[in-house]
Amino acid sequence: MSKVRGIRGATTVNTNTRPEVIQATQEMLSSIVDKNELSTDDIAAAIFTTTEDIDCEFPAYAARMMGWEYVALLDNTQMKVSHSLELCIRVLLLVNTDVPANQLQNIYLHQAVNLRNKKIPGF
């Protein structure tokens, strides 16, 4: 029986423009799907956050453009923290899978690779 598991992802854009937000979001989602061998039917929900400096487009729109018609999607603004990464898009995918949690691959692209702190497991 499948379990619901979370897969994280994050990316950044250089500028707050619709084409860049759409492209970066689709690149991040495609990478998560490919690396974790997912199909759209496996994805129950995607919760997106963006930093306050991204206001030109919803990341969920980019997912819909990819055919994620039956995936529950939610956009939100990330809390403002003084030392946070700018122009950042994050996602938490809730997926139905038999894969153990420790074998799922979280994906961090572009400047978002700096969010990873290798000394803190699961961060």
PDB file of N, CA and C in Angstrom:
ATOM      1  N   MET A   1       0.835  -1.184   0.000  1.00  0.00           N
ATOM      2  CA  MET A   1       0.000   0.000   0.000  1.00  0.00           C
ATOM      3  C   MET A   1       0.883   1.252   0.000  1.00  0.00           C
ATOM      4  N   SER A   2       0.568   2.172  -0.859  1.00  0.00           N
ATOM      5  CA  SER A   2       1.332   3.420  -0.955  1.00  0.00           C
ATOM      6  C   SER A   2       1.136   4.286   0.277  1.00  0.00           C
ATOM      7  N   LYS A   3       2.161   5.078   0.565  1.00  0.00           N
ATOM      8  CA  LYS A   3       2.096   6.065   1.637  1.00  0.00           C
ATOM      9  C   LYS A   3       2.206   7.443   1.016  1.00  0.00           C
ATOM     10  N   VAL A   4       1.704   8.443   1.718  1.00  0.00           N
ATOM     11  CA  VAL A   4       1.889   9.821   1.275  1.00  0.00           C
ATOM     12  C   VAL A   4       3.217  10.309   1.834  1.00  0.00           C
ATOM     13  N   ARG A   5       4.066  10.783   0.955  1.00  0.00           N
ATOM     14  CA  ARG A   5       5.385  11.282   1.345  1.00  0.00           C
ATOM     15  C   ARG A   5       5.576  12.684   0.765  1.00  0.00           C
ATOM     16  N   GLY A   6       6.448  13.442   1.399  1.00  0.00           N
ATOM     17  CA  GLY A   6       6.741  14.792   0.932  1.00  0.00           C
ATOM     18  C   GLY A   6       8.077  14.857   0.221  1.00  0.00           C
ATOM     19  N   ILE A   7       8.104  15.579  -0.875  1.00  0.00           N
ATOM     20  CA  ILE A   7       9.342  15.846  -1.610  1.00  0.00           C
ATOM     21  C   ILE A   7       9.458  17.362  -1.747  1.00  0.00           C
ATOM     22  N   ARG A   8      10.616  17.884  -1.366  1.00  0.00           N
ATOM     23  CA  ARG A   8      10.839  19.330  -1.424  1.00  0.00           C
ATOM     24  C   ARG A   8      11.625  19.716  -2.673  1.00  0.00           C
ATOM     25  N   GLY A   9      11.405  20.942  -3.076  1.00  0.00           N
ATOM     26  CA  GLY A   9      12.173  21.496  -4.175  1.00  0.00           C
ATOM     27  C   GLY A   9      12.265  23.001  -4.029  1.00  0.00           C
ATOM     28  N   ALA A  10      13.292  23.568  -4.608  1.00  0.00           N
ATOM     29  CA  ALA A  10      13.444  25.026  -4.607  1.00  0.00           C
ATOM     30  C   ALA A  10      14.297  25.442  -5.790  1.00  0.00           C
ATOM     31  N   THR A  11      14.035  26.647  -6.251  1.00  0.00           N
ATOM     32  CA  THR A  11      14.801  27.226  -7.342  1.00  0.00           C
ATOM     33  C   THR A  11      14.778  28.740  -7.190  1.00  0.00           C
ATOM     34  N   THR A  12      15.531  29.403  -8.007  1.00  0.00           N
ATOM     35  CA  THR A  12      15.530  30.864  -8.008  1.00  0.00           C
ATOM     36  C   THR A  12      15.399  31.377  -9.434  1.00  0.00           C
ATOM     37  N   VAL A  13      14.991  32.628  -9.528  1.00  0.00           N
ATOM     38  CA  VAL A  13      14.954  33.323 -10.812  1.00  0.00           C
ATOM     39  C   VAL A  13      15.883  34.528 -10.716  1.00  0.00           C
ATOM     40  N   ASN A  14      16.325  35.003 -11.849  1.00  0.00           N
ATOM     41  CA  ASN A  14      17.184  36.194 -11.869  1.00  0.00           C
ATOM     42  C   ASN A  14      16.372  37.477 -11.797  1.00  0.00           C
ATOM     43  N   THR A  15      15.167  37.432 -12.401  1.00  0.00           N
ATOM     44  CA  THR A  15      14.295  38.604 -12.417  1.00  0.00           C
ATOM     45  C   THR A  15      12.854  38.178 -12.189  1.00  0.00           C
ATOM     46  N   ASN A  16      12.058  39.081 -11.689  1.00  0.00           N
ATOM     47  CA  ASN A  16      10.649  38.848 -11.412  1.00  0.00           C
ATOM     48  C   ASN A  16       9.837  39.072 -12.688  1.00  0.00           C
ATOM     49  N   THR A  17       9.907  38.093 -13.607  1.00  0.00           N
ATOM     50  CA  THR A  17       9.141  38.175 -14.852  1.00  0.00           C
ATOM     51  C   THR A  17       8.357  36.884 -15.038  1.00  0.00           C
ATOM     52  N   ARG A  18       7.193  36.997 -15.684  1.00  0.00           N
ATOM     53  CA  ARG A  18       6.347  35.821 -15.917  1.00  0.00           C
ATOM     54  C   ARG A  18       7.102  34.695 -16.623  1.00  0.00           C
ATOM     55  N   PRO A  19       7.762  34.978 -17.751  1.00  0.00           N
ATOM     56  CA  PRO A  19       8.439  33.877 -18.444  1.00  0.00           C
ATOM     57  C   PRO A  19       9.475  33.181 -17.564  1.00  0.00           C
ATOM     58  N   GLU A  20      10.201  33.953 -16.776  1.00  0.00           N
ATOM     59  CA  GLU A  20      11.242  33.348 -15.954  1.00  0.00           C
ATOM     60  C   GLU A  20      10.650  32.519 -14.814  1.00  0.00           C
ATOM     61  N   VAL A  21       9.589  33.013 -14.181  1.00  0.00           N
ATOM     62  CA  VAL A  21       8.945  32.256 -13.098  1.00  0.00           C
ATOM     63  C   VAL A  21       8.341  30.965 -13.644  1.00  0.00           C
ATOM     64  N   ILE A  22       7.690  31.042 -14.778  1.00  0.00           N
ATOM     65  CA  ILE A  22       7.095  29.844 -15.384  1.00  0.00           C
ATOM     66  C   ILE A  22       8.183  28.840 -15.752  1.00  0.00           C
ATOM     67  N   GLN A  23       9.233  29.302 -16.426  1.00  0.00           N
ATOM     68  CA  GLN A  23      10.313  28.404 -16.852  1.00  0.00           C
ATOM     69  C   GLN A  23      10.998  27.766 -15.653  1.00  0.00           C
ATOM     70  N   ALA A  24      11.323  28.550 -14.637  1.00  0.00           N
ATOM     71  CA  ALA A  24      12.033  28.021 -13.464  1.00  0.00           C
ATOM     72  C   ALA A  24      11.167  27.027 -12.694  1.00  0.00           C
ATOM     73  N   THR A  25       9.883  27.332 -12.569  1.00  0.00           N
ATOM     74  CA  THR A  25       8.970  26.420 -11.870  1.00  0.00           C
ATOM     75  C   THR A  25       8.855  25.105 -12.625  1.00  0.00           C
ATOM     76  N   GLN A  26       8.681  25.174 -13.929  1.00  0.00           N
ATOM     77  CA  GLN A  26       8.559  23.953 -14.727  1.00  0.00           C
ATOM     78  C   GLN A  26       9.849  23.144 -14.711  1.00  0.00           C
ATOM     79  N   GLU A  27      10.983  23.814 -14.754  1.00  0.00           N
ATOM     80  CA  GLU A  27      12.270  23.111 -14.669  1.00  0.00           C
ATOM     81  C   GLU A  27      12.382  22.366 -13.336  1.00  0.00           C
ATOM     82  N   MET A  28      12.015  23.025 -12.235  1.00  0.00           N
ATOM     83  CA  MET A  28      12.086  22.411 -10.913  1.00  0.00           C
ATOM     84  C   MET A  28      11.141  21.210 -10.815  1.00  0.00           C
ATOM     85  N   LEU A  29       9.897  21.385 -11.252  1.00  0.00           N
ATOM     86  CA  LEU A  29       8.928  20.295 -11.169  1.00  0.00           C
ATOM     87  C   LEU A  29       9.335  19.119 -12.051  1.00  0.00           C
ATOM     88  N   SER A  30       9.790  19.397 -13.262  1.00  0.00           N
ATOM     89  CA  SER A  30      10.238  18.323 -14.160  1.00  0.00           C
ATOM     90  C   SER A  30      11.403  17.555 -13.561  1.00  0.00           C
ATOM     91  N   SER A  31      12.313  18.264 -12.934  1.00  0.00           N
ATOM     92  CA  SER A  31      13.464  17.621 -12.307  1.00  0.00           C
ATOM     93  C   SER A  31      13.032  16.722 -11.150  1.00  0.00           C
ATOM     94  N   ILE A  32      12.105  17.196 -10.320  1.00  0.00           N
ATOM     95  CA  ILE A  32      11.601  16.378  -9.207  1.00  0.00           C
ATOM     96  C   ILE A  32      10.922  15.123  -9.742  1.00  0.00           C
ATOM     97  N   VAL A  33      10.067  15.294 -10.749  1.00  0.00           N
ATOM     98  CA  VAL A  33       9.345  14.158 -11.335  1.00  0.00           C
ATOM     99  C   VAL A  33      10.323  13.158 -11.945  1.00  0.00           C
ATOM    100  N   ASP A  34      11.299  13.640 -12.706  1.00  0.00           N
ATOM    101  CA  ASP A  34      12.269  12.753 -13.358  1.00  0.00           C
ATOM    102  C   ASP A  34      13.141  12.013 -12.346  1.00  0.00           C
ATOM    103  N   LYS A  35      13.718  12.740 -11.407  1.00  0.00           N
ATOM    104  CA  LYS A  35      14.643  12.126 -10.437  1.00  0.00           C
ATOM    105  C   LYS A  35      13.949  11.124  -9.523  1.00  0.00           C
ATOM    106  N   ASN A  36      12.654  11.326  -9.270  1.00  0.00           N
ATOM    107  CA  ASN A  36      11.915  10.438  -8.372  1.00  0.00           C
ATOM    108  C   ASN A  36      11.003   9.465  -9.116  1.00  0.00           C
ATOM    109  N   GLU A  37      11.125   9.461 -10.452  1.00  0.00           N
ATOM    110  CA  GLU A  37      10.357   8.551 -11.303  1.00  0.00           C
ATOM    111  C   GLU A  37       8.867   8.586 -10.965  1.00  0.00           C
ATOM    112  N   LEU A  38       8.312   9.794 -10.951  1.00  0.00           N
ATOM    113  CA  LEU A  38       6.904  10.000 -10.629  1.00  0.00           C
ATOM    114  C   LEU A  38       6.079  10.158 -11.895  1.00  0.00           C
ATOM    115  N   SER A  39       4.800   9.894 -11.778  1.00  0.00           N
ATOM    116  CA  SER A  39       3.843  10.270 -12.811  1.00  0.00           C
ATOM    117  C   SER A  39       2.906  11.295 -12.180  1.00  0.00           C
ATOM    118  N   THR A  40       2.196  12.026 -12.994  1.00  0.00           N
ATOM    119  CA  THR A  40       1.274  13.028 -12.466  1.00  0.00           C
ATOM    120  C   THR A  40       0.239  12.388 -11.552  1.00  0.00           C
ATOM    121  N   ASP A  41      -0.167  11.163 -11.845  1.00  0.00           N
ATOM    122  CA  ASP A  41      -1.144  10.461 -11.002  1.00  0.00           C
ATOM    123  C   ASP A  41      -0.620  10.189  -9.599  1.00  0.00           C
ATOM    124  N   ASP A  42       0.694  10.160  -9.412  1.00  0.00           N
ATOM    125  CA  ASP A  42       1.281   9.935  -8.086  1.00  0.00           C
ATOM    126  C   ASP A  42       1.202  11.177  -7.203  1.00  0.00           C
ATOM    127  N   ILE A  43       1.018  12.344  -7.807  1.00  0.00           N
ATOM    128  CA  ILE A  43       1.106  13.610  -7.074  1.00  0.00           C
ATOM    129  C   ILE A  43      -0.272  14.011  -6.567  1.00  0.00           C
ATOM    130  N   ALA A  44      -0.414  14.042  -5.237  1.00  0.00           N
ATOM    131  CA  ALA A  44      -1.688  14.422  -4.627  1.00  0.00           C
ATOM    132  C   ALA A  44      -1.829  15.936  -4.542  1.00  0.00           C
ATOM    133  N   ALA A  45      -0.737  16.618  -4.193  1.00  0.00           N
ATOM    134  CA  ALA A  45      -0.808  18.068  -4.005  1.00  0.00           C
ATOM    135  C   ALA A  45       0.567  18.695  -4.157  1.00  0.00           C
ATOM    136  N   ALA A  46       0.561  19.967  -4.519  1.00  0.00           N
ATOM    137  CA  ALA A  46       1.786  20.768  -4.581  1.00  0.00           C
ATOM    138  C   ALA A  46       1.511  22.085  -3.872  1.00  0.00           C
ATOM    139  N   ILE A  47       2.329  22.368  -2.864  1.00  0.00           N
ATOM    140  CA  ILE A  47       2.212  23.615  -2.115  1.00  0.00           C
ATOM    141  C   ILE A  47       3.432  24.464  -2.463  1.00  0.00           C
ATOM    142  N   PHE A  48       3.179  25.590  -3.103  1.00  0.00           N
ATOM    143  CA  PHE A  48       4.251  26.486  -3.534  1.00  0.00           C
ATOM    144  C   PHE A  48       4.350  27.680  -2.595  1.00  0.00           C
ATOM    145  N   THR A  49       5.579  28.139  -2.365  1.00  0.00           N
ATOM    146  CA  THR A  49       5.788  29.432  -1.723  1.00  0.00           C
ATOM    147  C   THR A  49       6.773  30.221  -2.576  1.00  0.00           C
ATOM    148  N   THR A  50       6.612  31.530  -2.532  1.00  0.00           N
ATOM    149  CA  THR A  50       7.573  32.409  -3.190  1.00  0.00           C
ATOM    150  C   THR A  50       7.980  33.494  -2.200  1.00  0.00           C
ATOM    151  N   THR A  51       9.172  33.994  -2.374  1.00  0.00           N
ATOM    152  CA  THR A  51       9.581  35.142  -1.581  1.00  0.00           C
ATOM    153  C   THR A  51       8.762  36.354  -2.037  1.00  0.00           C
ATOM    154  N   GLU A  52       8.690  37.364  -1.188  1.00  0.00           N
ATOM    155  CA  GLU A  52       7.838  38.526  -1.460  1.00  0.00           C
ATOM    156  C   GLU A  52       8.219  39.283  -2.725  1.00  0.00           C
ATOM    157  N   ASP A  53       9.439  39.088  -3.209  1.00  0.00           N
ATOM    158  CA  ASP A  53       9.879  39.810  -4.403  1.00  0.00           C
ATOM    159  C   ASP A  53       9.416  39.158  -5.705  1.00  0.00           C
ATOM    160  N   ILE A  54       8.669  38.064  -5.610  1.00  0.00           N
ATOM    161  CA  ILE A  54       8.077  37.433  -6.798  1.00  0.00           C
ATOM    162  C   ILE A  54       6.572  37.668  -6.734  1.00  0.00           C
ATOM    163  N   ASP A  55       6.080  38.470  -7.679  1.00  0.00           N
ATOM    164  CA  ASP A  55       4.649  38.776  -7.690  1.00  0.00           C
ATOM    165  C   ASP A  55       4.068  38.853  -9.104  1.00  0.00           C
ATOM    166  N   CYS A  56       4.800  38.339 -10.082  1.00  0.00           N
ATOM    167  CA  CYS A  56       4.370  38.463 -11.478  1.00  0.00           C
ATOM    168  C   CYS A  56       3.517  37.285 -11.958  1.00  0.00           C
ATOM    169  N   GLU A  57       3.632  36.133 -11.289  1.00  0.00           N
ATOM    170  CA  GLU A  57       2.867  34.952 -11.702  1.00  0.00           C
ATOM    171  C   GLU A  57       2.843  33.937 -10.572  1.00  0.00           C
ATOM    172  N   PHE A  58       1.794  33.128 -10.549  1.00  0.00           N
ATOM    173  CA  PHE A  58       1.677  32.038  -9.588  1.00  0.00           C
ATOM    174  C   PHE A  58       2.453  30.822 -10.094  1.00  0.00           C
ATOM    175  N   PRO A  59       3.299  30.215  -9.269  1.00  0.00           N
ATOM    176  CA  PRO A  59       3.956  28.978  -9.696  1.00  0.00           C
ATOM    177  C   PRO A  59       2.950  27.882 -10.069  1.00  0.00           C
ATOM    178  N   ALA A  60       1.796  27.862  -9.410  1.00  0.00           N
ATOM    179  CA  ALA A  60       0.781  26.848  -9.727  1.00  0.00           C
ATOM    180  C   ALA A  60       0.328  26.951 -11.183  1.00  0.00           C
ATOM    181  N   TYR A  61       0.332  28.144 -11.732  1.00  0.00           N
ATOM    182  CA  TYR A  61      -0.025  28.326 -13.137  1.00  0.00           C
ATOM    183  C   TYR A  61       0.939  27.554 -14.032  1.00  0.00           C
ATOM    184  N   ALA A  62       2.215  27.595 -13.685  1.00  0.00           N
ATOM    185  CA  ALA A  62       3.219  26.857 -14.463  1.00  0.00           C
ATOM    186  C   ALA A  62       2.957  25.356 -14.393  1.00  0.00           C
ATOM    187  N   ALA A  63       2.532  24.872 -13.228  1.00  0.00           N
ATOM    188  CA  ALA A  63       2.207  23.446 -13.088  1.00  0.00           C
ATOM    189  C   ALA A  63       0.989  23.085 -13.935  1.00  0.00           C
ATOM    190  N   ARG A  64      -0.021  23.934 -13.930  1.00  0.00           N
ATOM    191  CA  ARG A  64      -1.210  23.680 -14.759  1.00  0.00           C
ATOM    192  C   ARG A  64      -0.829  23.624 -16.239  1.00  0.00           C
ATOM    193  N   MET A  65       0.093  24.489 -16.647  1.00  0.00           N
ATOM    194  CA  MET A  65       0.545  24.489 -18.042  1.00  0.00           C
ATOM    195  C   MET A  65       1.226  23.174 -18.413  1.00  0.00           C
ATOM    196  N   MET A  66       1.741  22.455 -17.399  1.00  0.00           N
ATOM    197  CA  MET A  66       2.403  21.168 -17.632  1.00  0.00           C
ATOM    198  C   MET A  66       1.398  20.015 -17.675  1.00  0.00           C
ATOM    199  N   GLY A  67       0.117  20.318 -17.488  1.00  0.00           N
ATOM    200  CA  GLY A  67      -0.900  19.276 -17.507  1.00  0.00           C
ATOM    201  C   GLY A  67      -1.268  18.740 -16.134  1.00  0.00           C
ATOM    202  N   TRP A  68      -0.882  19.430 -15.099  1.00  0.00           N
ATOM    203  CA  TRP A  68      -1.219  18.996 -13.740  1.00  0.00           C
ATOM    204  C   TRP A  68      -2.659  19.403 -13.416  1.00  0.00           C
ATOM    205  N   GLU A  69      -3.582  18.903 -14.204  1.00  0.00           N
ATOM    206  CA  GLU A  69      -4.987  19.287 -14.132  1.00  0.00           C
ATOM    207  C   GLU A  69      -5.681  18.789 -12.868  1.00  0.00           C
ATOM    208  N   TYR A  70      -5.320  17.595 -12.390  1.00  0.00           N
ATOM    209  CA  TYR A  70      -6.019  16.996 -11.249  1.00  0.00           C
ATOM    210  C   TYR A  70      -5.188  16.990  -9.973  1.00  0.00           C
ATOM    211  N   VAL A  71      -4.097  17.731  -9.962  1.00  0.00           N
ATOM    212  CA  VAL A  71      -3.268  17.870  -8.767  1.00  0.00           C
ATOM    213  C   VAL A  71      -3.767  19.090  -7.992  1.00  0.00           C
ATOM    214  N   ALA A  72      -3.976  18.933  -6.683  1.00  0.00           N
ATOM    215  CA  ALA A  72      -4.361  20.076  -5.853  1.00  0.00           C
ATOM    216  C   ALA A  72      -3.155  21.008  -5.731  1.00  0.00           C
ATOM    217  N   LEU A  73      -3.345  22.272  -6.075  1.00  0.00           N
ATOM    218  CA  LEU A  73      -2.248  23.243  -6.087  1.00  0.00           C
ATOM    219  C   LEU A  73      -2.578  24.422  -5.176  1.00  0.00           C
ATOM    220  N   LEU A  74      -1.563  24.921  -4.484  1.00  0.00           N
ATOM    221  CA  LEU A  74      -1.736  26.069  -3.596  1.00  0.00           C
ATOM    222  C   LEU A  74      -0.501  26.952  -3.667  1.00  0.00           C
ATOM    223  N   ASP A  75      -0.723  28.254  -3.799  1.00  0.00           N
ATOM    224  CA  ASP A  75       0.368  29.231  -3.777  1.00  0.00           C
ATOM    225  C   ASP A  75       0.280  30.046  -2.496  1.00  0.00           C
ATOM    226  N   ASN A  76       1.438  30.443  -1.991  1.00  0.00           N
ATOM    227  CA  ASN A  76       1.492  31.267  -0.795  1.00  0.00           C
ATOM    228  C   ASN A  76       2.788  32.066  -0.814  1.00  0.00           C
ATOM    229  N   THR A  77       2.809  33.132  -0.036  1.00  0.00           N
ATOM    230  CA  THR A  77       4.035  33.907   0.127  1.00  0.00           C
ATOM    231  C   THR A  77       4.790  33.359   1.321  1.00  0.00           C
ATOM    232  N   GLN A  78       6.061  33.169   1.141  1.00  0.00           N
ATOM    233  CA  GLN A  78       6.928  32.671   2.208  1.00  0.00           C
ATOM    234  C   GLN A  78       7.093  33.751   3.269  1.00  0.00           C
ATOM    235  N   MET A  79       7.237  33.337   4.518  1.00  0.00           N
ATOM    236  CA  MET A  79       7.451  34.333   5.573  1.00  0.00           C
ATOM    237  C   MET A  79       8.730  35.118   5.297  1.00  0.00           C
ATOM    238  N   LYS A  80       8.714  36.380   5.694  1.00  0.00           N
ATOM    239  CA  LYS A  80       9.860  37.251   5.444  1.00  0.00           C
ATOM    240  C   LYS A  80      10.882  37.071   6.562  1.00  0.00           C
ATOM    241  N   VAL A  81      12.077  36.669   6.182  1.00  0.00           N
ATOM    242  CA  VAL A  81      13.190  36.501   7.116  1.00  0.00           C
ATOM    243  C   VAL A  81      14.352  37.318   6.559  1.00  0.00           C
ATOM    244  N   SER A  82      15.009  38.072   7.406  1.00  0.00           N
ATOM    245  CA  SER A  82      16.020  39.027   6.945  1.00  0.00           C
ATOM    246  C   SER A  82      17.154  38.389   6.144  1.00  0.00           C
ATOM    247  N   HIS A  83      17.519  37.165   6.457  1.00  0.00           N
ATOM    248  CA  HIS A  83      18.645  36.528   5.762  1.00  0.00           C
ATOM    249  C   HIS A  83      18.200  35.479   4.736  1.00  0.00           C
ATOM    250  N   SER A  84      16.940  35.567   4.294  1.00  0.00           N
ATOM    251  CA  SER A  84      16.448  34.565   3.344  1.00  0.00           C
ATOM    252  C   SER A  84      16.959  34.830   1.930  1.00  0.00           C
ATOM    253  N   LEU A  85      16.933  33.783   1.135  1.00  0.00           N
ATOM    254  CA  LEU A  85      17.341  33.857  -0.261  1.00  0.00           C
ATOM    255  C   LEU A  85      16.297  34.639  -1.050  1.00  0.00           C
ATOM    256  N   GLU A  86      16.728  35.555  -1.891  1.00  0.00           N
ATOM    257  CA  GLU A  86      15.811  36.368  -2.690  1.00  0.00           C
ATOM    258  C   GLU A  86      15.393  35.643  -3.964  1.00  0.00           C
ATOM    259  N   LEU A  87      14.243  36.065  -4.502  1.00  0.00           N
ATOM    260  CA  LEU A  87      13.721  35.551  -5.773  1.00  0.00           C
ATOM    261  C   LEU A  87      13.674  34.024  -5.785  1.00  0.00           C
ATOM    262  N   CYS A  88      13.113  33.459  -4.733  1.00  0.00           N
ATOM    263  CA  CYS A  88      13.107  32.009  -4.535  1.00  0.00           C
ATOM    264  C   CYS A  88      11.691  31.436  -4.617  1.00  0.00           C
ATOM    265  N   ILE A  89      11.580  30.328  -5.315  1.00  0.00           N
ATOM    266  CA  ILE A  89      10.336  29.565  -5.433  1.00  0.00           C
ATOM    267  C   ILE A  89      10.587  28.217  -4.769  1.00  0.00           C
ATOM    268  N   ARG A  90       9.702  27.834  -3.857  1.00  0.00           N
ATOM    269  CA  ARG A  90       9.824  26.535  -3.190  1.00  0.00           C
ATOM    270  C   ARG A  90       8.556  25.730  -3.429  1.00  0.00           C
ATOM    271  N   VAL A  91       8.689  24.422  -3.309  1.00  0.00           N
ATOM    272  CA  VAL A  91       7.521  23.554  -3.434  1.00  0.00           C
ATOM    273  C   VAL A  91       7.641  22.390  -2.461  1.00  0.00           C
ATOM    274  N   LEU A  92       6.502  21.970  -1.952  1.00  0.00           N
ATOM    275  CA  LEU A  92       6.380  20.718  -1.209  1.00  0.00           C
ATOM    276  C   LEU A  92       5.377  19.880  -1.976  1.00  0.00           C
ATOM    277  N   LEU A  93       5.855  18.792  -2.575  1.00  0.00           N
ATOM    278  CA  LEU A  93       4.966  17.864  -3.269  1.00  0.00           C
ATOM    279  C   LEU A  93       4.557  16.768  -2.305  1.00  0.00           C
ATOM    280  N   LEU A  94       3.267  16.480  -2.247  1.00  0.00           N
ATOM    281  CA  LEU A  94       2.763  15.336  -1.497  1.00  0.00           C
ATOM    282  C   LEU A  94       2.458  14.258  -2.525  1.00  0.00           C
ATOM    283  N   VAL A  95       3.171  13.146  -2.414  1.00  0.00           N
ATOM    284  CA  VAL A  95       3.073  12.096  -3.426  1.00  0.00           C
ATOM    285  C   VAL A  95       2.692  10.761  -2.797  1.00  0.00           C
ATOM    286  N   ASN A  96       1.970   9.967  -3.560  1.00  0.00           N
ATOM    287  CA  ASN A  96       1.645   8.599  -3.164  1.00  0.00           C
ATOM    288  C   ASN A  96       2.725   7.699  -3.743  1.00  0.00           C
ATOM    289  N   THR A  97       3.430   6.991  -2.855  1.00  0.00           N
ATOM    290  CA  THR A  97       4.560   6.187  -3.319  1.00  0.00           C
ATOM    291  C   THR A  97       4.860   5.052  -2.356  1.00  0.00           C
ATOM    292  N   ASP A  98       5.474   4.021  -2.871  1.00  0.00           N
ATOM    293  CA  ASP A  98       5.985   2.920  -2.051  1.00  0.00           C
ATOM    294  C   ASP A  98       7.468   3.110  -1.745  1.00  0.00           C
ATOM    295  N   VAL A  99       8.066   4.141  -2.294  1.00  0.00           N
ATOM    296  CA  VAL A  99       9.492   4.402  -2.097  1.00  0.00           C
ATOM    297  C   VAL A  99       9.716   4.904  -0.665  1.00  0.00           C
ATOM    298  N   PRO A 100      10.693   4.336   0.049  1.00  0.00           N
ATOM    299  CA  PRO A 100      10.994   4.822   1.402  1.00  0.00           C
ATOM    300  C   PRO A 100      11.416   6.294   1.380  1.00  0.00           C
ATOM    301  N   ALA A 101      11.069   7.009   2.434  1.00  0.00           N
ATOM    302  CA  ALA A 101      11.350   8.451   2.508  1.00  0.00           C
ATOM    303  C   ALA A 101      12.827   8.763   2.304  1.00  0.00           C
ATOM    304  N   ASN A 102      13.703   7.901   2.818  1.00  0.00           N
ATOM    305  CA  ASN A 102      15.144   8.179   2.704  1.00  0.00           C
ATOM    306  C   ASN A 102      15.686   7.964   1.294  1.00  0.00           C
ATOM    307  N   GLN A 103      14.860   7.474   0.382  1.00  0.00           N
ATOM    308  CA  GLN A 103      15.294   7.286  -1.001  1.00  0.00           C
ATOM    309  C   GLN A 103      14.722   8.337  -1.956  1.00  0.00           C
ATOM    310  N   LEU A 104      13.849   9.192  -1.449  1.00  0.00           N
ATOM    311  CA  LEU A 104      13.296  10.261  -2.279  1.00  0.00           C
ATOM    312  C   LEU A 104      14.326  11.374  -2.424  1.00  0.00           C
ATOM    313  N   GLN A 105      14.323  12.026  -3.569  1.00  0.00           N
ATOM    314  CA  GLN A 105      15.322  13.058  -3.849  1.00  0.00           C
ATOM    315  C   GLN A 105      14.688  14.447  -3.869  1.00  0.00           C
ATOM    316  N   ASN A 106      15.087  15.275  -2.912  1.00  0.00           N
ATOM    317  CA  ASN A 106      14.701  16.680  -2.921  1.00  0.00           C
ATOM    318  C   ASN A 106      15.587  17.392  -3.942  1.00  0.00           C
ATOM    319  N   ILE A 107      15.035  18.385  -4.621  1.00  0.00           N
ATOM    320  CA  ILE A 107      15.744  19.042  -5.717  1.00  0.00           C
ATOM    321  C   ILE A 107      15.911  20.530  -5.433  1.00  0.00           C
ATOM    322  N   TYR A 108      17.145  20.995  -5.494  1.00  0.00           N
ATOM    323  CA  TYR A 108      17.472  22.410  -5.297  1.00  0.00           C
ATOM    324  C   TYR A 108      18.282  22.880  -6.501  1.00  0.00           C
ATOM    325  N   LEU A 109      17.763  23.881  -7.200  1.00  0.00           N
ATOM    326  CA  LEU A 109      18.384  24.360  -8.433  1.00  0.00           C
ATOM    327  C   LEU A 109      18.850  25.809  -8.299  1.00  0.00           C
ATOM    328  N   HIS A 110      19.804  26.165  -9.117  1.00  0.00           N
ATOM    329  CA  HIS A 110      20.329  27.535  -9.219  1.00  0.00           C
ATOM    330  C   HIS A 110      20.803  28.012  -7.847  1.00  0.00           C
ATOM    331  N   GLN A 111      20.469  29.220  -7.441  1.00  0.00           N
ATOM    332  CA  GLN A 111      20.949  29.735  -6.154  1.00  0.00           C
ATOM    333  C   GLN A 111      20.328  29.004  -4.962  1.00  0.00           C
ATOM    334  N   ALA A 112      19.266  28.253  -5.197  1.00  0.00           N
ATOM    335  CA  ALA A 112      18.612  27.516  -4.106  1.00  0.00           C
ATOM    336  C   ALA A 112      19.484  26.386  -3.565  1.00  0.00           C
ATOM    337  N   VAL A 113      20.529  26.004  -4.292  1.00  0.00           N
ATOM    338  CA  VAL A 113      21.442  24.988  -3.741  1.00  0.00           C
ATOM    339  C   VAL A 113      22.044  25.488  -2.433  1.00  0.00           C
ATOM    340  N   ASN A 114      22.089  26.806  -2.246  1.00  0.00           N
ATOM    341  CA  ASN A 114      22.619  27.380  -1.014  1.00  0.00           C
ATOM    342  C   ASN A 114      21.700  27.158   0.186  1.00  0.00           C
ATOM    343  N   LEU A 115      20.466  26.715  -0.047  1.00  0.00           N
ATOM    344  CA  LEU A 115      19.547  26.432   1.056  1.00  0.00           C
ATOM    345  C   LEU A 115      19.915  25.145   1.775  1.00  0.00           C
ATOM    346  N   ARG A 116      20.654  24.307   1.109  1.00  0.00           N
ATOM    347  CA  ARG A 116      21.028  23.017   1.687  1.00  0.00           C
ATOM    348  C   ARG A 116      22.154  23.191   2.690  1.00  0.00           C
ATOM    349  N   ASN A 117      21.930  22.711   3.894  1.00  0.00           N
ATOM    350  CA  ASN A 117      22.964  22.710   4.926  1.00  0.00           C
ATOM    351  C   ASN A 117      23.289  21.250   5.196  1.00  0.00           C
ATOM    352  N   LYS A 118      24.371  20.786   4.649  1.00  0.00           N
ATOM    353  CA  LYS A 118      24.719  19.362   4.713  1.00  0.00           C
ATOM    354  C   LYS A 118      24.927  18.854   6.139  1.00  0.00           C
ATOM    355  N   LYS A 119      25.151  19.742   7.097  1.00  0.00           N
ATOM    356  CA  LYS A 119      25.387  19.316   8.476  1.00  0.00           C
ATOM    357  C   LYS A 119      24.093  19.077   9.242  1.00  0.00           C
ATOM    358  N   ILE A 120      22.972  19.521   8.686  1.00  0.00           N
ATOM    359  CA  ILE A 120      21.687  19.336   9.357  1.00  0.00           C
ATOM    360  C   ILE A 120      20.844  18.397   8.506  1.00  0.00           C
ATOM    361  N   PRO A 121      20.720  17.123   8.897  1.00  0.00           N
ATOM    362  CA  PRO A 121      19.942  16.167   8.103  1.00  0.00           C
ATOM    363  C   PRO A 121      18.502  16.645   7.916  1.00  0.00           C
ATOM    364  N   GLY A 122      18.006  16.497   6.709  1.00  0.00           N
ATOM    365  CA  GLY A 122      16.627  16.840   6.416  1.00  0.00           C
ATOM    366  C   GLY A 122      16.350  18.318   6.260  1.00  0.00           C
ATOM    367  N   PHE A 123      17.362  19.175   6.393  1.00  0.00           N
ATOM    368  CA  PHE A 123      17.157  20.618   6.284  1.00  0.00           C
ATOM    369  C   PHE A 123      17.009  21.008   4.839  1.00  0.00           C
TER     370      PHE A 123
END
